Amino acid sequence: MKGLVHPPAIYLYREFVDFRKSINGLAALVESETDLPLNSGALFLFTNKQRDKIKVLYWDTTGFALWYKRLEKAKFKWPVREKKQVFTLSQFELDRLLAGFTIIGHKPIKIHDYTMS
């Protein structure tokens, strides 16, 4: 996805989704269960129950587009225990998620000062 689109926001939908849903079904899900604008160009990420597939829905100024990725021998690290329905991700977190890394619950170390010892 890198370089194909420059989304203003990236949203990860926490609940598992029936992957028989296509553009219309996923768009209806976003409209009915969130207050997020579908036509903003934002990416909406969904996964199946087995967490080996991701669908990404977005509006590209002329219509909806749907991007699909399947992992062969691994699972996406999805936030199943979090209470929020939708997460906002950065581009870096999206790249990490698509590469198989855990992104939820792990925060980078912040160093505010250093010492010369």
N, C-alpha and C. Protein backbone atom coordinates (compact mmCIF):
# COMPACT_ATOMS: atom_id res chain seq x y z
N MET A 1 0.83 -1.19 0.00
CA MET A 1 0.00 0.00 0.00
C MET A 1 0.86 1.25 0.00
N LYS A 2 2.09 1.09 0.43
CA LYS A 2 2.95 2.25 0.56
C LYS A 2 3.13 2.94 -0.79
N GLY A 3 2.87 4.22 -0.80
CA GLY A 3 3.03 4.98 -2.02
C GLY A 3 1.80 5.00 -2.91
N LEU A 4 0.85 4.11 -2.69
CA LEU A 4 -0.35 4.09 -3.53
C LEU A 4 -1.35 5.15 -3.10
N VAL A 5 -1.52 5.31 -1.81
CA VAL A 5 -2.46 6.30 -1.28
C VAL A 5 -1.80 7.04 -0.14
N HIS A 6 -2.30 8.23 0.11
CA HIS A 6 -1.82 9.04 1.23
C HIS A 6 -3.04 9.40 2.07
N PRO A 7 -3.45 8.48 2.94
CA PRO A 7 -4.70 8.68 3.68
C PRO A 7 -4.57 9.73 4.77
N PRO A 8 -5.65 10.47 5.01
CA PRO A 8 -5.64 11.43 6.11
C PRO A 8 -5.73 10.74 7.47
N ALA A 9 -6.27 9.51 7.49
CA ALA A 9 -6.38 8.74 8.73
C ALA A 9 -6.44 7.25 8.39
N ILE A 10 -6.09 6.42 9.37
CA ILE A 10 -6.14 4.97 9.21
C ILE A 10 -6.87 4.42 10.42
N TYR A 11 -7.96 3.69 10.16
CA TYR A 11 -8.79 3.15 11.23
C TYR A 11 -8.78 1.62 11.18
N LEU A 12 -8.56 1.01 12.32
CA LEU A 12 -8.59 -0.43 12.44
C LEU A 12 -9.88 -0.81 13.17
N TYR A 13 -10.72 -1.59 12.51
CA TYR A 13 -11.97 -2.06 13.12
C TYR A 13 -11.65 -3.31 13.93
N ARG A 14 -11.93 -3.27 15.23
CA ARG A 14 -11.48 -4.31 16.15
C ARG A 14 -12.20 -5.63 15.99
N GLU A 15 -13.50 -5.62 15.75
CA GLU A 15 -14.28 -6.85 15.67
C GLU A 15 -13.93 -7.64 14.40
N PHE A 16 -14.05 -8.96 14.48
CA PHE A 16 -13.84 -9.80 13.31
C PHE A 16 -15.00 -9.59 12.35
N VAL A 17 -14.73 -9.72 11.05
CA VAL A 17 -15.72 -9.46 10.01
C VAL A 17 -15.87 -10.70 9.12
N ASP A 18 -17.09 -10.97 8.71
CA ASP A 18 -17.35 -12.03 7.74
C ASP A 18 -16.73 -11.59 6.41
N PHE A 19 -15.75 -12.32 5.93
CA PHE A 19 -15.02 -11.89 4.73
C PHE A 19 -15.76 -12.15 3.43
N ARG A 20 -17.01 -12.60 3.52
CA ARG A 20 -17.85 -12.61 2.32
C ARG A 20 -18.34 -11.20 2.01
N LYS A 21 -18.22 -10.30 3.01
CA LYS A 21 -18.60 -8.90 2.78
C LYS A 21 -17.60 -8.27 1.81
N SER A 22 -18.14 -7.50 0.90
CA SER A 22 -17.29 -6.77 -0.03
C SER A 22 -17.44 -5.28 0.25
N ILE A 23 -17.28 -4.46 -0.76
CA ILE A 23 -17.29 -3.01 -0.57
C ILE A 23 -18.57 -2.53 0.09
N ASN A 24 -19.72 -2.90 -0.45
CA ASN A 24 -20.99 -2.41 0.10
C ASN A 24 -21.21 -2.86 1.54
N GLY A 25 -20.92 -4.12 1.84
CA GLY A 25 -21.10 -4.62 3.19
C GLY A 25 -20.18 -3.98 4.21
N LEU A 26 -18.93 -3.78 3.84
CA LEU A 26 -17.98 -3.14 4.74
C LEU A 26 -18.30 -1.66 4.93
N ALA A 27 -18.71 -0.99 3.86
CA ALA A 27 -19.10 0.42 3.96
C ALA A 27 -20.32 0.57 4.87
N ALA A 28 -21.28 -0.34 4.73
CA ALA A 28 -22.47 -0.31 5.59
C ALA A 28 -22.10 -0.53 7.05
N LEU A 29 -21.13 -1.38 7.30
CA LEU A 29 -20.65 -1.65 8.65
C LEU A 29 -20.05 -0.38 9.26
N VAL A 30 -19.22 0.31 8.51
CA VAL A 30 -18.61 1.55 8.99
C VAL A 30 -19.70 2.59 9.28
N GLU A 31 -20.65 2.73 8.36
CA GLU A 31 -21.72 3.72 8.55
C GLU A 31 -22.60 3.40 9.75
N SER A 32 -22.93 2.13 9.95
CA SER A 32 -23.87 1.79 11.01
C SER A 32 -23.24 1.70 12.40
N GLU A 33 -21.95 1.40 12.48
CA GLU A 33 -21.34 1.17 13.79
C GLU A 33 -20.31 2.20 14.21
N THR A 34 -20.02 3.16 13.37
CA THR A 34 -19.07 4.22 13.75
C THR A 34 -19.62 5.57 13.29
N ASP A 35 -18.99 6.62 13.75
CA ASP A 35 -19.32 7.98 13.30
C ASP A 35 -18.27 8.50 12.34
N LEU A 36 -17.54 7.61 11.71
CA LEU A 36 -16.43 8.02 10.85
C LEU A 36 -16.91 8.30 9.44
N PRO A 37 -16.35 9.33 8.79
CA PRO A 37 -16.75 9.66 7.42
C PRO A 37 -16.13 8.70 6.41
N LEU A 38 -16.95 8.06 5.61
CA LEU A 38 -16.45 7.10 4.62
C LEU A 38 -15.75 7.75 3.44
N ASN A 39 -16.15 8.95 3.07
CA ASN A 39 -15.62 9.57 1.85
C ASN A 39 -14.45 10.51 2.11
N SER A 40 -13.76 10.34 3.23
CA SER A 40 -12.65 11.24 3.57
C SER A 40 -11.33 10.80 2.96
N GLY A 41 -11.27 9.58 2.41
CA GLY A 41 -10.01 9.05 1.92
C GLY A 41 -9.27 8.23 2.96
N ALA A 42 -9.86 8.11 4.15
CA ALA A 42 -9.25 7.33 5.22
C ALA A 42 -9.29 5.85 4.88
N LEU A 43 -8.33 5.11 5.42
CA LEU A 43 -8.31 3.66 5.26
C LEU A 43 -9.06 3.02 6.42
N PHE A 44 -9.87 2.00 6.11
CA PHE A 44 -10.59 1.23 7.11
C PHE A 44 -10.11 -0.21 7.02
N LEU A 45 -9.50 -0.73 8.10
CA LEU A 45 -8.94 -2.08 8.11
C LEU A 45 -9.86 -3.05 8.83
N PHE A 46 -10.02 -4.23 8.24
CA PHE A 46 -10.85 -5.29 8.79
C PHE A 46 -10.07 -6.60 8.73
N THR A 47 -10.37 -7.52 9.65
CA THR A 47 -9.77 -8.85 9.59
C THR A 47 -10.84 -9.91 9.76
N ASN A 48 -10.50 -11.13 9.37
CA ASN A 48 -11.40 -12.27 9.54
C ASN A 48 -11.15 -12.92 10.89
N LYS A 49 -11.98 -13.90 11.26
CA LYS A 49 -11.87 -14.54 12.57
C LYS A 49 -10.53 -15.25 12.75
N GLN A 50 -9.98 -15.82 11.70
CA GLN A 50 -8.69 -16.52 11.79
C GLN A 50 -7.50 -15.56 11.82
N ARG A 51 -7.75 -14.28 11.54
CA ARG A 51 -6.73 -13.22 11.53
C ARG A 51 -5.60 -13.48 10.54
N ASP A 52 -5.89 -14.19 9.46
CA ASP A 52 -4.85 -14.40 8.44
C ASP A 52 -5.12 -13.57 7.18
N LYS A 53 -6.18 -12.75 7.22
CA LYS A 53 -6.52 -11.90 6.08
C LYS A 53 -6.87 -10.50 6.57
N ILE A 54 -6.56 -9.52 5.74
CA ILE A 54 -6.94 -8.13 6.00
C ILE A 54 -7.59 -7.58 4.74
N LYS A 55 -8.66 -6.81 4.95
CA LYS A 55 -9.24 -6.02 3.87
C LYS A 55 -9.12 -4.56 4.27
N VAL A 56 -8.78 -3.74 3.30
CA VAL A 56 -8.65 -2.30 3.51
C VAL A 56 -9.60 -1.61 2.54
N LEU A 57 -10.54 -0.86 3.09
CA LEU A 57 -11.53 -0.13 2.30
C LEU A 57 -11.18 1.35 2.32
N TYR A 58 -11.26 2.00 1.17
CA TYR A 58 -11.05 3.45 1.14
C TYR A 58 -11.72 4.07 -0.07
N TRP A 59 -11.99 5.37 0.03
CA TRP A 59 -12.56 6.16 -1.04
C TRP A 59 -11.43 6.87 -1.75
N ASP A 60 -11.37 6.74 -3.08
CA ASP A 60 -10.24 7.34 -3.81
C ASP A 60 -10.66 8.47 -4.75
N THR A 61 -11.67 9.21 -4.41
CA THR A 61 -12.24 10.36 -5.12
C THR A 61 -13.11 9.98 -6.31
N THR A 62 -13.02 8.79 -6.82
CA THR A 62 -13.91 8.38 -7.92
C THR A 62 -14.79 7.19 -7.53
N GLY A 63 -14.50 6.59 -6.40
CA GLY A 63 -15.27 5.45 -5.93
C GLY A 63 -14.51 4.72 -4.83
N PHE A 64 -15.12 3.68 -4.32
CA PHE A 64 -14.48 2.89 -3.28
C PHE A 64 -13.50 1.91 -3.89
N ALA A 65 -12.44 1.65 -3.14
CA ALA A 65 -11.45 0.64 -3.52
C ALA A 65 -11.30 -0.32 -2.35
N LEU A 66 -11.00 -1.57 -2.66
CA LEU A 66 -10.82 -2.58 -1.64
C LEU A 66 -9.51 -3.30 -1.89
N TRP A 67 -8.66 -3.31 -0.87
CA TRP A 67 -7.36 -3.96 -0.94
C TRP A 67 -7.40 -5.16 -0.02
N TYR A 68 -6.77 -6.26 -0.42
CA TYR A 68 -6.87 -7.52 0.30
C TYR A 68 -5.48 -8.13 0.46
N LYS A 69 -5.19 -8.63 1.66
CA LYS A 69 -3.92 -9.31 1.88
C LYS A 69 -4.18 -10.58 2.69
N ARG A 70 -3.53 -11.68 2.28
CA ARG A 70 -3.63 -12.95 2.98
C ARG A 70 -2.23 -13.39 3.39
N LEU A 71 -2.07 -13.78 4.65
CA LEU A 71 -0.81 -14.34 5.12
C LEU A 71 -0.84 -15.85 4.91
N GLU A 72 0.27 -16.40 4.52
CA GLU A 72 0.34 -17.84 4.26
C GLU A 72 0.50 -18.68 5.51
N LYS A 73 1.38 -18.26 6.42
CA LYS A 73 1.68 -19.12 7.57
C LYS A 73 1.75 -18.34 8.88
N ALA A 74 0.98 -17.29 9.00
CA ALA A 74 1.02 -16.49 10.22
C ALA A 74 -0.34 -15.84 10.43
N LYS A 75 -0.45 -15.09 11.52
CA LYS A 75 -1.68 -14.37 11.83
C LYS A 75 -1.32 -12.92 12.09
N PHE A 76 -2.24 -12.02 11.71
CA PHE A 76 -2.06 -10.62 12.04
C PHE A 76 -2.28 -10.44 13.53
N LYS A 77 -1.51 -9.58 14.15
CA LYS A 77 -1.63 -9.29 15.58
C LYS A 77 -2.73 -8.26 15.76
N TRP A 78 -3.92 -8.72 16.09
CA TRP A 78 -5.11 -7.87 16.16
C TRP A 78 -5.49 -7.63 17.61
N PRO A 79 -5.94 -6.44 17.97
CA PRO A 79 -6.27 -6.11 19.36
C PRO A 79 -7.62 -6.70 19.80
N VAL A 80 -7.65 -7.97 20.15
CA VAL A 80 -8.91 -8.63 20.48
C VAL A 80 -9.40 -8.32 21.89
N ARG A 81 -8.55 -7.90 22.78
CA ARG A 81 -8.96 -7.67 24.16
C ARG A 81 -9.23 -6.20 24.48
N GLU A 82 -9.00 -5.34 23.55
CA GLU A 82 -9.24 -3.92 23.79
C GLU A 82 -10.74 -3.64 23.74
N LYS A 83 -11.17 -2.57 24.42
CA LYS A 83 -12.60 -2.27 24.49
C LYS A 83 -13.06 -1.31 23.41
N LYS A 84 -12.16 -0.55 22.84
CA LYS A 84 -12.56 0.41 21.81
C LYS A 84 -12.96 -0.34 20.54
N GLN A 85 -13.99 0.18 19.86
CA GLN A 85 -14.47 -0.44 18.61
C GLN A 85 -13.49 -0.19 17.47
N VAL A 86 -12.95 1.03 17.41
CA VAL A 86 -12.08 1.43 16.30
C VAL A 86 -10.81 2.05 16.87
N PHE A 87 -9.68 1.73 16.27
CA PHE A 87 -8.40 2.32 16.64
C PHE A 87 -7.93 3.21 15.50
N THR A 88 -7.24 4.28 15.85
CA THR A 88 -6.58 5.11 14.86
C THR A 88 -5.12 4.70 14.81
N LEU A 89 -4.62 4.45 13.61
CA LEU A 89 -3.23 4.02 13.43
C LEU A 89 -2.45 5.08 12.67
N SER A 90 -1.15 5.09 12.87
CA SER A 90 -0.26 5.91 12.05
C SER A 90 0.17 5.09 10.84
N GLN A 91 0.77 5.73 9.88
CA GLN A 91 1.29 5.00 8.71
C GLN A 91 2.36 4.00 9.14
N PHE A 92 3.18 4.39 10.10
CA PHE A 92 4.21 3.48 10.61
C PHE A 92 3.59 2.24 11.23
N GLU A 93 2.53 2.43 12.04
CA GLU A 93 1.85 1.29 12.67
C GLU A 93 1.19 0.39 11.63
N LEU A 94 0.62 0.98 10.58
CA LEU A 94 0.05 0.18 9.50
C LEU A 94 1.13 -0.66 8.83
N ASP A 95 2.25 -0.05 8.53
CA ASP A 95 3.36 -0.78 7.92
C ASP A 95 3.82 -1.93 8.81
N ARG A 96 3.91 -1.68 10.11
CA ARG A 96 4.32 -2.72 11.06
C ARG A 96 3.28 -3.84 11.12
N LEU A 97 2.01 -3.48 11.16
CA LEU A 97 0.94 -4.49 11.20
C LEU A 97 1.00 -5.38 9.97
N LEU A 98 1.13 -4.78 8.79
CA LEU A 98 1.17 -5.55 7.56
C LEU A 98 2.42 -6.42 7.46
N ALA A 99 3.47 -6.03 8.20
CA ALA A 99 4.69 -6.83 8.23
C ALA A 99 4.66 -7.90 9.31
N GLY A 100 3.57 -7.96 10.10
CA GLY A 100 3.41 -9.01 11.08
C GLY A 100 3.77 -8.66 12.51
N PHE A 101 4.06 -7.41 12.79
CA PHE A 101 4.43 -7.01 14.14
C PHE A 101 3.21 -6.65 14.97
N THR A 102 3.32 -6.79 16.29
CA THR A 102 2.28 -6.35 17.20
C THR A 102 2.35 -4.84 17.33
N ILE A 103 1.22 -4.18 17.20
CA ILE A 103 1.21 -2.72 17.29
C ILE A 103 0.41 -2.20 18.46
N ILE A 104 -0.51 -3.00 18.99
CA ILE A 104 -1.36 -2.54 20.07
C ILE A 104 -0.78 -3.00 21.40
N GLY A 105 -0.70 -2.07 22.35
CA GLY A 105 -0.20 -2.42 23.68
C GLY A 105 1.30 -2.27 23.83
N HIS A 106 1.98 -1.93 22.77
CA HIS A 106 3.42 -1.72 22.83
C HIS A 106 3.71 -0.28 22.45
N LYS A 107 4.23 0.47 23.39
CA LYS A 107 4.54 1.87 23.14
C LYS A 107 6.04 2.05 23.05
N PRO A 108 6.50 2.93 22.19
CA PRO A 108 7.93 3.17 22.11
C PRO A 108 8.46 3.82 23.38
N ILE A 109 9.71 3.55 23.68
CA ILE A 109 10.35 4.14 24.84
C ILE A 109 10.61 5.62 24.53
N LYS A 110 10.24 6.48 25.50
CA LYS A 110 10.50 7.91 25.32
C LYS A 110 11.61 8.31 26.27
N ILE A 111 12.64 8.91 25.73
CA ILE A 111 13.76 9.40 26.52
C ILE A 111 13.73 10.92 26.47
N HIS A 112 13.55 11.53 27.62
CA HIS A 112 13.42 12.98 27.70
C HIS A 112 14.74 13.69 27.97
N ASP A 113 15.71 12.92 28.45
CA ASP A 113 16.98 13.52 28.79
C ASP A 113 18.05 12.44 28.72
N TYR A 114 19.26 12.81 28.61
CA TYR A 114 20.34 11.84 28.58
C TYR A 114 21.43 12.28 29.55
N THR A 115 22.27 11.33 29.91
CA THR A 115 23.40 11.65 30.78
C THR A 115 24.65 11.08 30.15
N MET A 116 25.74 11.75 30.36
CA MET A 116 27.03 11.29 29.88
C MET A 116 27.74 10.65 31.06
N SER A 117 27.76 9.33 31.09
CA SER A 117 28.40 8.65 32.22
C SER A 117 29.60 7.90 31.77
